[in-house]
C-alpha atoms as a PDB file:
ATOM      1  CA  UNK A   1      -0.810   5.625  13.399  1.00  0.00           C
ATOM      2  CA  UNK A   2      -2.859   2.511  13.704  1.00  0.00           C
ATOM      3  CA  UNK A   3      -5.379   0.876  11.420  1.00  0.00           C
ATOM      4  CA  UNK A   4      -8.229   2.268  13.511  1.00  0.00           C
ATOM      5  CA  UNK A   5      -6.759   5.798  13.315  1.00  0.00           C
ATOM      6  CA  UNK A   6      -6.639   5.742   9.522  1.00  0.00           C
ATOM      7  CA  UNK A   7     -10.079   4.142   9.192  1.00  0.00           C
ATOM      8  CA  UNK A   8     -11.470   6.911  11.411  1.00  0.00           C
ATOM      9  CA  UNK A   9      -9.677   9.548   9.316  1.00  0.00           C
ATOM     10  CA  UNK A  10     -11.388   8.168   6.216  1.00  0.00           C
ATOM     11  CA  UNK A  11     -14.757   8.250   7.966  1.00  0.00           C
ATOM     12  CA  UNK A  12     -14.151  11.885   8.896  1.00  0.00           C
ATOM     13  CA  UNK A  13     -13.369  12.848   5.300  1.00  0.00           C
ATOM     14  CA  UNK A  14      -9.569  12.886   5.208  1.00  0.00           C
ATOM     15  CA  UNK A  15      -8.118  12.912   1.671  1.00  0.00           C
ATOM     16  CA  UNK A  16      -8.625   9.340   0.488  1.00  0.00           C
ATOM     17  CA  UNK A  17      -5.339   8.950  -1.390  1.00  0.00           C
ATOM     18  CA  UNK A  18      -3.076   9.653   1.589  1.00  0.00           C
ATOM     19  CA  UNK A  19      -5.347   8.059   4.197  1.00  0.00           C
ATOM     20  CA  UNK A  20      -5.640   4.850   2.154  1.00  0.00           C
ATOM     21  CA  UNK A  21      -1.878   4.775   1.619  1.00  0.00           C
ATOM     22  CA  UNK A  22      -1.291   5.132   5.352  1.00  0.00           C
ATOM     23  CA  UNK A  23      -3.939   2.482   6.058  1.00  0.00           C
ATOM     24  CA  UNK A  24      -2.087   0.169   3.667  1.00  0.00           C
ATOM     25  CA  UNK A  25       1.156   0.818   5.536  1.00  0.00           C
ATOM     26  CA  UNK A  26      -0.504   0.136   8.888  1.00  0.00           C
ATOM     27  CA  UNK A  27      -1.917  -3.194   7.669  1.00  0.00           C
ATOM     28  CA  UNK A  28       1.480  -4.138   6.188  1.00  0.00           C
ATOM     29  CA  UNK A  29       3.186  -3.467   9.523  1.00  0.00           C
ATOM     30  CA  UNK A  30       0.504  -5.503  11.268  1.00  0.00           C
ATOM     31  CA  UNK A  31       1.074  -8.355   8.799  1.00  0.00           C
ATOM     32  CA  UNK A  32       4.820  -8.196   9.430  1.00  0.00           C
ATOM     33  CA  UNK A  33       4.244  -8.528  13.179  1.00  0.00           C
ATOM     34  CA  UNK A  34       2.226 -11.737  12.819  1.00  0.00           C
ATOM     35  CA  UNK A  35       3.518 -15.291  12.350  1.00  0.00           C
ATOM     36  CA  UNK A  36       3.923 -16.000   8.639  1.00  0.00           C
ATOM     37  CA  UNK A  37       1.077 -18.498   8.582  1.00  0.00           C
ATOM     38  CA  UNK A  38      -1.455 -16.113  10.135  1.00  0.00           C
ATOM     39  CA  UNK A  39      -0.809 -12.748   8.487  1.00  0.00           C
ATOM     40  CA  UNK A  40      -2.358 -13.367   5.063  1.00  0.00           C
ATOM     41  CA  UNK A  41      -5.516 -11.409   5.874  1.00  0.00           C
ATOM     42  CA  UNK A  42      -3.483  -8.328   6.838  1.00  0.00           C
ATOM     43  CA  UNK A  43      -1.425  -8.546   3.628  1.00  0.00           C
ATOM     44  CA  UNK A  44      -4.660  -8.655   1.629  1.00  0.00           C
ATOM     45  CA  UNK A  45      -6.119  -5.701   3.564  1.00  0.00           C
ATOM     46  CA  UNK A  46      -2.912  -3.750   2.964  1.00  0.00           C
ATOM     47  CA  UNK A  47      -3.010  -4.383  -0.768  1.00  0.00           C
ATOM     48  CA  UNK A  48      -6.715  -3.478  -0.872  1.00  0.00           C
ATOM     49  CA  UNK A  49      -5.968  -0.144   0.793  1.00  0.00           C
ATOM     50  CA  UNK A  50      -3.012   0.590  -1.501  1.00  0.00           C
ATOM     51  CA  UNK A  51      -5.124  -0.155  -4.566  1.00  0.00           C
ATOM     52  CA  UNK A  52      -7.753   2.272  -3.254  1.00  0.00           C
ATOM     53  CA  UNK A  53      -5.046   4.874  -2.621  1.00  0.00           C
ATOM     54  CA  UNK A  54      -3.887   4.702  -6.241  1.00  0.00           C
ATOM     55  CA  UNK A  55      -7.485   4.784  -7.517  1.00  0.00           C
ATOM     56  CA  UNK A  56      -8.010   7.885  -5.363  1.00  0.00           C
ATOM     57  CA  UNK A  57      -5.037   9.669  -6.909  1.00  0.00           C
ATOM     58  CA  UNK A  58      -2.025   8.568  -4.877  1.00  0.00           C
ATOM     59  CA  UNK A  59       0.946   8.964  -7.218  1.00  0.00           C
ATOM     60  CA  UNK A  60       4.053   9.057  -5.026  1.00  0.00           C
ATOM     61  CA  UNK A  61       5.643   6.123  -6.822  1.00  0.00           C
ATOM     62  CA  UNK A  62       8.991   6.623  -5.102  1.00  0.00           C
ATOM     63  CA  UNK A  63       7.325   6.257  -1.703  1.00  0.00           C
ATOM     64  CA  UNK A  64       5.342   3.247  -2.896  1.00  0.00           C
ATOM     65  CA  UNK A  65       8.581   1.658  -4.089  1.00  0.00           C
ATOM     66  CA  UNK A  66      10.793   2.518  -1.107  1.00  0.00           C
ATOM     67  CA  UNK A  67       8.614   2.839   2.011  1.00  0.00           C
ATOM     68  CA  UNK A  68      10.021   0.263   4.423  1.00  0.00           C
ATOM     69  CA  UNK A  69       6.576  -0.277   5.925  1.00  0.00           C
ATOM     70  CA  UNK A  70       5.644  -2.066   2.687  1.00  0.00           C
ATOM     71  CA  UNK A  71       8.616  -4.467   2.573  1.00  0.00           C
ATOM     72  CA  UNK A  72       6.453  -7.478   3.417  1.00  0.00           C
ATOM     73  CA  UNK A  73       4.358  -6.838   0.296  1.00  0.00           C
ATOM     74  CA  UNK A  74       7.046  -6.597  -2.332  1.00  0.00           C
ATOM     75  CA  UNK A  75       7.412 -10.356  -2.778  1.00  0.00           C
ATOM     76  CA  UNK A  76       3.669 -10.663  -3.299  1.00  0.00           C
ATOM     77  CA  UNK A  77       2.567 -11.243  -6.902  1.00  0.00           C
ATOM     78  CA  UNK A  78      -0.460  -9.067  -6.191  1.00  0.00           C
ATOM     79  CA  UNK A  79       1.822  -6.140  -5.316  1.00  0.00           C
ATOM     80  CA  UNK A  80       2.795  -5.887  -8.995  1.00  0.00           C
ATOM     81  CA  UNK A  81      -0.654  -6.800 -10.248  1.00  0.00           C
ATOM     82  CA  UNK A  82      -2.270  -4.163  -8.074  1.00  0.00           C
ATOM     83  CA  UNK A  83      -0.388  -1.354  -9.730  1.00  0.00           C
ATOM     84  CA  UNK A  84       0.156  -2.664 -13.256  1.00  0.00           C
ATOM     85  CA  UNK A  85      -2.891  -0.866 -14.617  1.00  0.00           C
ATOM     86  CA  UNK A  86      -2.026   2.317 -12.722  1.00  0.00           C
ATOM     87  CA  UNK A  87       1.668   2.547 -13.474  1.00  0.00           C
ATOM     88  CA  UNK A  88       2.061   5.425 -15.853  1.00  0.00           C
ATOM     89  CA  UNK A  89       4.977   7.056 -17.595  1.00  0.00           C
ATOM     90  CA  UNK A  90       5.369   9.232 -14.489  1.00  0.00           C
ATOM     91  CA  UNK A  91       5.643   6.153 -12.279  1.00  0.00           C
ATOM     92  CA  UNK A  92       8.196   4.562 -14.567  1.00  0.00           C
ATOM     93  CA  UNK A  93      10.139   7.814 -14.830  1.00  0.00           C
ATOM     94  CA  UNK A  94      10.287   8.049 -11.030  1.00  0.00           C
ATOM     95  CA  UNK A  95      11.856   4.597 -10.859  1.00  0.00           C
ATOM     96  CA  UNK A  96       8.838   2.533  -9.848  1.00  0.00           C
ATOM     97  CA  UNK A  97       8.864  -0.980 -11.177  1.00  0.00           C
ATOM     98  CA  UNK A  98       7.195  -4.109  -9.962  1.00  0.00           C
ATOM     99  CA  UNK A  99       9.013  -6.644  -7.875  1.00  0.00           C
ATOM    100  CA  UNK A 100      11.869  -4.408  -6.818  1.00  0.00           C
ATOM    101  CA  UNK A 101      12.784  -3.157  -3.391  1.00  0.00           C
END
């Protein structure tokens, strides 16, 4: 799906946690397709969406850690910062940790 597809899904009332996660993935893929010096905005949009996903109840820490769509984000300091307040014992138990691929 594309960014516009997931934005529309949110407008139509799709479950926020999964729709925001997928929106974050779509922005991350968009960022990865852009030249390094012009993709910053898409990285920020991706992280915004992922933060909203977690706030909305997204808790698939294994997917957050391993989804290849998010590879471009894992070197970002904000990737860890975004989830540091949300990482719970369940996240840690599932193997999620900041800064790892």
